[in-house]
Amino acid sequence: MKLTTYLNGTRVGWFEQLKSGAVVLEYDRAWQEAAGRRELSWSLPKSRRRHTGREPVNYLWNLLPDNGDVLERWGRRFGVSPWNPMALLAYVGLDAAGAVQLVDSEGHDDPEPSR
């Protein structure tokens, strides 16, 4: 699964869930090198193009509600695990917290987010 990530309508990069279940963030080189762009998160500095480990997963969890009942309800509604932030954000990522949008890009050519 791959989620293309936008910040204020500009493509930032991609979160990808590997077959192992690990989540990786890879920044778009153009965004990473652009002057004046802010960090997606302090825990995911753009000085590194690729992030692995807990930081990408923690970032995604922070975009979702803290309410377990809501996550369970969404999991049932969308037919995905309520404990998989990538799966949930594939459905609700256009309405994520802040100015971040996540678009399910699996099998598509870099879709533009709706505004």
N, C-alpha and C. Protein backbone atom coordinates (compact mmCIF):
# COMPACT_ATOMS: atom_id res chain seq x y z
N MET A 1 0.85 -1.17 0.00
CA MET A 1 0.00 0.00 0.00
C MET A 1 0.89 1.23 0.00
N LYS A 2 0.46 2.23 -0.75
CA LYS A 2 1.24 3.45 -0.88
C LYS A 2 0.28 4.64 -0.79
N LEU A 3 0.64 5.62 0.05
CA LEU A 3 -0.14 6.84 0.19
C LEU A 3 0.73 8.03 -0.23
N THR A 4 0.30 8.72 -1.28
CA THR A 4 1.00 9.94 -1.68
C THR A 4 0.58 11.02 -0.70
N THR A 5 1.55 11.79 -0.23
CA THR A 5 1.32 12.77 0.83
C THR A 5 1.52 14.18 0.31
N TYR A 6 0.55 15.04 0.63
CA TYR A 6 0.57 16.44 0.21
C TYR A 6 0.51 17.33 1.44
N LEU A 7 1.16 18.47 1.37
CA LEU A 7 1.11 19.48 2.41
C LEU A 7 0.74 20.78 1.73
N ASN A 8 -0.39 21.35 2.12
CA ASN A 8 -0.90 22.56 1.47
C ASN A 8 -0.98 22.39 -0.04
N GLY A 9 -1.36 21.21 -0.50
CA GLY A 9 -1.55 20.94 -1.93
C GLY A 9 -0.28 20.62 -2.70
N THR A 10 0.88 20.61 -2.05
CA THR A 10 2.15 20.30 -2.70
C THR A 10 2.58 18.90 -2.31
N ARG A 11 2.95 18.09 -3.30
CA ARG A 11 3.39 16.73 -3.00
C ARG A 11 4.67 16.74 -2.19
N VAL A 12 4.63 16.04 -1.06
CA VAL A 12 5.74 15.94 -0.13
C VAL A 12 6.51 14.64 -0.34
N GLY A 13 5.77 13.56 -0.57
CA GLY A 13 6.41 12.26 -0.72
C GLY A 13 5.40 11.14 -0.60
N TRP A 14 5.88 9.97 -0.15
CA TRP A 14 5.05 8.78 -0.11
C TRP A 14 5.30 8.00 1.16
N PHE A 15 4.21 7.56 1.78
CA PHE A 15 4.29 6.56 2.84
C PHE A 15 3.99 5.23 2.17
N GLU A 16 4.81 4.23 2.42
CA GLU A 16 4.59 2.92 1.84
C GLU A 16 4.65 1.87 2.93
N GLN A 17 3.66 0.98 2.90
CA GLN A 17 3.67 -0.15 3.83
C GLN A 17 4.22 -1.36 3.09
N LEU A 18 5.34 -1.86 3.57
CA LEU A 18 6.01 -3.00 2.95
C LEU A 18 5.28 -4.30 3.31
N LYS A 19 5.59 -5.36 2.59
CA LYS A 19 4.96 -6.67 2.88
C LYS A 19 5.21 -7.11 4.31
N SER A 20 6.31 -6.70 4.89
CA SER A 20 6.63 -7.05 6.27
C SER A 20 5.75 -6.31 7.27
N GLY A 21 5.03 -5.28 6.79
CA GLY A 21 4.20 -4.46 7.67
C GLY A 21 4.88 -3.15 8.05
N ALA A 22 6.19 -3.05 7.83
CA ALA A 22 6.92 -1.83 8.14
C ALA A 22 6.45 -0.69 7.25
N VAL A 23 6.49 0.51 7.80
CA VAL A 23 6.08 1.71 7.06
C VAL A 23 7.32 2.56 6.80
N VAL A 24 7.44 3.02 5.56
CA VAL A 24 8.57 3.84 5.13
C VAL A 24 8.03 5.15 4.57
N LEU A 25 8.68 6.24 4.90
CA LEU A 25 8.38 7.53 4.27
C LEU A 25 9.55 7.88 3.37
N GLU A 26 9.24 8.23 2.13
CA GLU A 26 10.26 8.72 1.21
C GLU A 26 9.80 10.07 0.69
N TYR A 27 10.64 11.08 0.92
CA TYR A 27 10.31 12.43 0.46
C TYR A 27 10.51 12.57 -1.04
N ASP A 28 9.66 13.35 -1.66
CA ASP A 28 9.83 13.76 -3.04
C ASP A 28 11.06 14.67 -3.08
N ARG A 29 11.98 14.38 -3.95
CA ARG A 29 13.24 15.14 -3.99
C ARG A 29 12.99 16.64 -4.25
N ALA A 30 12.06 16.96 -5.11
CA ALA A 30 11.78 18.37 -5.42
C ALA A 30 11.29 19.11 -4.17
N TRP A 31 10.42 18.47 -3.40
CA TRP A 31 9.92 19.11 -2.18
C TRP A 31 11.04 19.21 -1.15
N GLN A 32 11.79 18.15 -1.02
CA GLN A 32 12.86 18.08 -0.03
C GLN A 32 13.89 19.19 -0.25
N GLU A 33 14.18 19.46 -1.50
CA GLU A 33 15.22 20.44 -1.83
C GLU A 33 14.69 21.87 -1.96
N ALA A 34 13.38 22.03 -1.98
CA ALA A 34 12.80 23.36 -2.18
C ALA A 34 13.10 24.26 -0.98
N ALA A 35 13.53 25.45 -1.27
CA ALA A 35 13.82 26.42 -0.21
C ALA A 35 12.51 26.90 0.41
N GLY A 36 12.54 27.14 1.68
CA GLY A 36 11.39 27.71 2.36
C GLY A 36 10.31 26.70 2.74
N ARG A 37 10.49 25.46 2.42
CA ARG A 37 9.49 24.44 2.79
C ARG A 37 9.71 24.04 4.24
N ARG A 38 8.63 23.91 4.94
CA ARG A 38 8.77 23.48 6.33
C ARG A 38 8.82 21.96 6.42
N GLU A 39 9.20 21.48 7.58
CA GLU A 39 9.28 20.04 7.83
C GLU A 39 7.87 19.46 7.89
N LEU A 40 7.72 18.24 7.44
CA LEU A 40 6.46 17.53 7.62
C LEU A 40 6.26 17.27 9.11
N SER A 41 7.34 16.94 9.79
CA SER A 41 7.35 16.71 11.24
C SER A 41 8.79 16.82 11.72
N TRP A 42 8.97 17.28 12.96
CA TRP A 42 10.33 17.35 13.51
C TRP A 42 10.94 15.96 13.60
N SER A 43 10.09 14.94 13.77
CA SER A 43 10.60 13.57 13.89
C SER A 43 10.93 12.95 12.53
N LEU A 44 10.56 13.65 11.45
CA LEU A 44 10.83 13.18 10.08
C LEU A 44 11.53 14.28 9.30
N PRO A 45 12.75 14.65 9.71
CA PRO A 45 13.43 15.79 9.06
C PRO A 45 13.66 15.55 7.58
N LYS A 46 13.51 16.61 6.82
CA LYS A 46 13.69 16.47 5.37
C LYS A 46 15.17 16.38 4.99
N SER A 47 16.06 16.50 5.96
CA SER A 47 17.49 16.32 5.68
C SER A 47 17.80 14.87 5.31
N ARG A 48 16.91 13.95 5.68
CA ARG A 48 17.02 12.54 5.26
C ARG A 48 15.88 12.26 4.29
N ARG A 49 16.18 11.68 3.16
CA ARG A 49 15.14 11.43 2.16
C ARG A 49 14.24 10.28 2.55
N ARG A 50 14.77 9.27 3.22
CA ARG A 50 14.00 8.05 3.54
C ARG A 50 14.00 7.82 5.05
N HIS A 51 12.80 7.58 5.58
CA HIS A 51 12.64 7.33 7.01
C HIS A 51 12.00 5.97 7.22
N THR A 52 12.57 5.21 8.15
CA THR A 52 12.05 3.89 8.51
C THR A 52 11.91 3.85 10.03
N GLY A 53 11.42 2.75 10.55
CA GLY A 53 11.30 2.60 11.99
C GLY A 53 9.97 3.11 12.50
N ARG A 54 9.94 3.51 13.76
CA ARG A 54 8.69 3.92 14.42
C ARG A 54 8.21 5.32 14.01
N GLU A 55 9.11 6.20 13.60
CA GLU A 55 8.73 7.58 13.35
C GLU A 55 7.63 7.72 12.28
N PRO A 56 7.75 7.07 11.13
CA PRO A 56 6.66 7.21 10.14
C PRO A 56 5.32 6.69 10.65
N VAL A 57 5.33 5.56 11.36
CA VAL A 57 4.09 5.00 11.90
C VAL A 57 3.51 5.92 12.97
N ASN A 58 4.35 6.43 13.85
CA ASN A 58 3.88 7.35 14.89
C ASN A 58 3.26 8.59 14.27
N TYR A 59 3.88 9.12 13.23
CA TYR A 59 3.33 10.30 12.55
C TYR A 59 1.93 10.00 12.03
N LEU A 60 1.76 8.85 11.37
CA LEU A 60 0.45 8.49 10.81
C LEU A 60 -0.59 8.33 11.91
N TRP A 61 -0.22 7.69 13.02
CA TRP A 61 -1.17 7.55 14.14
C TRP A 61 -1.61 8.91 14.65
N ASN A 62 -0.72 9.88 14.66
CA ASN A 62 -1.06 11.21 15.16
C ASN A 62 -2.03 11.95 14.24
N LEU A 63 -2.24 11.47 13.03
CA LEU A 63 -3.23 12.07 12.13
C LEU A 63 -4.63 11.53 12.37
N LEU A 64 -4.72 10.45 13.14
CA LEU A 64 -5.99 9.78 13.40
C LEU A 64 -6.53 10.14 14.78
N PRO A 65 -7.84 9.98 14.98
CA PRO A 65 -8.41 10.26 16.30
C PRO A 65 -7.84 9.33 17.37
N ASP A 66 -7.80 9.81 18.61
CA ASP A 66 -7.34 9.00 19.74
C ASP A 66 -8.42 8.08 20.27
N ASN A 67 -9.59 8.15 19.72
CA ASN A 67 -10.74 7.41 20.20
C ASN A 67 -10.80 6.02 19.56
N GLY A 68 -10.54 4.98 20.37
CA GLY A 68 -10.55 3.61 19.87
C GLY A 68 -11.88 3.19 19.28
N ASP A 69 -12.99 3.70 19.82
CA ASP A 69 -14.32 3.37 19.27
C ASP A 69 -14.46 3.88 17.84
N VAL A 70 -13.95 5.07 17.59
CA VAL A 70 -14.00 5.64 16.23
C VAL A 70 -13.16 4.78 15.29
N LEU A 71 -11.97 4.40 15.72
CA LEU A 71 -11.10 3.57 14.88
C LEU A 71 -11.75 2.23 14.59
N GLU A 72 -12.38 1.63 15.59
CA GLU A 72 -13.08 0.35 15.40
C GLU A 72 -14.22 0.51 14.40
N ARG A 73 -14.98 1.57 14.54
CA ARG A 73 -16.10 1.84 13.63
C ARG A 73 -15.61 2.05 12.20
N TRP A 74 -14.54 2.81 12.05
CA TRP A 74 -13.97 3.02 10.71
C TRP A 74 -13.46 1.72 10.13
N GLY A 75 -12.81 0.90 10.95
CA GLY A 75 -12.30 -0.38 10.49
C GLY A 75 -13.42 -1.25 9.94
N ARG A 76 -14.53 -1.32 10.68
CA ARG A 76 -15.69 -2.10 10.20
C ARG A 76 -16.26 -1.50 8.92
N ARG A 77 -16.41 -0.18 8.92
CA ARG A 77 -17.01 0.51 7.76
C ARG A 77 -16.21 0.28 6.48
N PHE A 78 -14.89 0.34 6.59
CA PHE A 78 -14.03 0.24 5.40
C PHE A 78 -13.48 -1.16 5.17
N GLY A 79 -13.75 -2.08 6.09
CA GLY A 79 -13.28 -3.45 5.94
C GLY A 79 -11.78 -3.60 6.09
N VAL A 80 -11.19 -2.80 7.00
CA VAL A 80 -9.74 -2.85 7.24
C VAL A 80 -9.49 -2.97 8.74
N SER A 81 -8.26 -3.26 9.10
CA SER A 81 -7.90 -3.35 10.51
C SER A 81 -7.90 -1.95 11.14
N PRO A 82 -8.58 -1.80 12.28
CA PRO A 82 -8.56 -0.50 12.95
C PRO A 82 -7.21 -0.19 13.59
N TRP A 83 -6.28 -1.15 13.53
CA TRP A 83 -4.95 -0.95 14.12
C TRP A 83 -3.88 -0.79 13.05
N ASN A 84 -4.31 -0.48 11.83
CA ASN A 84 -3.39 -0.23 10.72
C ASN A 84 -3.62 1.19 10.22
N PRO A 85 -2.78 2.14 10.63
CA PRO A 85 -3.02 3.54 10.24
C PRO A 85 -2.98 3.75 8.73
N MET A 86 -2.16 3.01 8.02
CA MET A 86 -2.11 3.15 6.55
C MET A 86 -3.45 2.77 5.94
N ALA A 87 -4.02 1.66 6.39
CA ALA A 87 -5.29 1.19 5.84
C ALA A 87 -6.40 2.19 6.13
N LEU A 88 -6.44 2.73 7.34
CA LEU A 88 -7.47 3.71 7.69
C LEU A 88 -7.30 5.00 6.89
N LEU A 89 -6.06 5.47 6.78
CA LEU A 89 -5.81 6.74 6.08
C LEU A 89 -6.02 6.63 4.58
N ALA A 90 -6.00 5.42 4.04
CA ALA A 90 -6.34 5.25 2.62
C ALA A 90 -7.77 5.70 2.37
N TYR A 91 -8.62 5.66 3.41
CA TYR A 91 -10.02 6.07 3.28
C TYR A 91 -10.30 7.46 3.81
N VAL A 92 -9.59 7.88 4.85
CA VAL A 92 -9.91 9.17 5.49
C VAL A 92 -8.76 10.17 5.37
N GLY A 93 -7.74 9.86 4.61
CA GLY A 93 -6.54 10.70 4.53
C GLY A 93 -6.72 12.05 3.86
N LEU A 94 -7.76 12.20 3.04
CA LEU A 94 -7.99 13.52 2.44
C LEU A 94 -8.47 14.52 3.47
N ASP A 95 -8.95 14.02 4.60
CA ASP A 95 -9.47 14.86 5.67
C ASP A 95 -8.62 14.71 6.92
N ALA A 96 -7.30 14.56 6.76
CA ALA A 96 -6.40 14.38 7.90
C ALA A 96 -6.20 15.70 8.63
N ALA A 97 -5.60 15.61 9.80
CA ALA A 97 -5.34 16.78 10.63
C ALA A 97 -4.39 17.76 9.93
N GLY A 98 -4.58 19.02 10.20
CA GLY A 98 -3.69 20.05 9.64
C GLY A 98 -3.87 20.20 8.14
N ALA A 99 -2.81 20.57 7.48
CA ALA A 99 -2.85 20.80 6.03
C ALA A 99 -2.33 19.60 5.26
N VAL A 100 -2.34 18.42 5.89
CA VAL A 100 -1.83 17.20 5.27
C VAL A 100 -2.96 16.44 4.61
N GLN A 101 -2.70 15.94 3.40
CA GLN A 101 -3.64 15.06 2.71
C GLN A 101 -2.87 13.82 2.28
N LEU A 102 -3.49 12.66 2.48
CA LEU A 102 -2.90 11.40 2.05
C LEU A 102 -3.86 10.75 1.06
N VAL A 103 -3.32 10.39 -0.11
CA VAL A 103 -4.12 9.84 -1.19
C VAL A 103 -3.63 8.44 -1.50
N ASP A 104 -4.55 7.48 -1.53
CA ASP A 104 -4.20 6.11 -1.89
C ASP A 104 -3.73 6.12 -3.33
N SER A 105 -2.46 5.90 -3.54
CA SER A 105 -1.88 6.01 -4.88
C SER A 105 -1.54 4.66 -5.48
N GLU A 106 -1.98 3.59 -4.84
CA GLU A 106 -1.68 2.25 -5.34
C GLU A 106 -2.35 2.06 -6.70
N GLY A 107 -1.53 1.80 -7.70
CA GLY A 107 -2.08 1.52 -9.03
C GLY A 107 -2.53 2.74 -9.79
N HIS A 108 -2.23 3.95 -9.29
CA HIS A 108 -2.64 5.17 -9.98
C HIS A 108 -1.41 6.01 -10.30
N ASP A 109 -1.54 6.85 -11.29
CA ASP A 109 -0.49 7.82 -11.56
C ASP A 109 -0.71 9.00 -10.63
N ASP A 110 0.24 9.31 -9.83
CA ASP A 110 0.26 10.45 -8.93
C ASP A 110 -1.00 11.31 -8.95
N PRO A 111 -2.06 10.93 -8.22
CA PRO A 111 -3.30 11.70 -8.24
C PRO A 111 -3.13 13.01 -7.50
N GLU A 112 -3.82 14.02 -7.97
CA GLU A 112 -3.83 15.31 -7.29
C GLU A 112 -4.91 15.29 -6.23
N PRO A 113 -4.68 15.86 -5.07
CA PRO A 113 -5.71 15.88 -4.03
C PRO A 113 -6.83 16.83 -4.42
N SER A 114 -8.03 16.50 -3.97
CA SER A 114 -9.14 17.43 -4.19
C SER A 114 -9.05 18.52 -3.15
N ARG A 115 -9.42 19.71 -3.52
CA ARG A 115 -9.35 20.84 -2.57
C ARG A 115 -10.73 21.23 -2.14
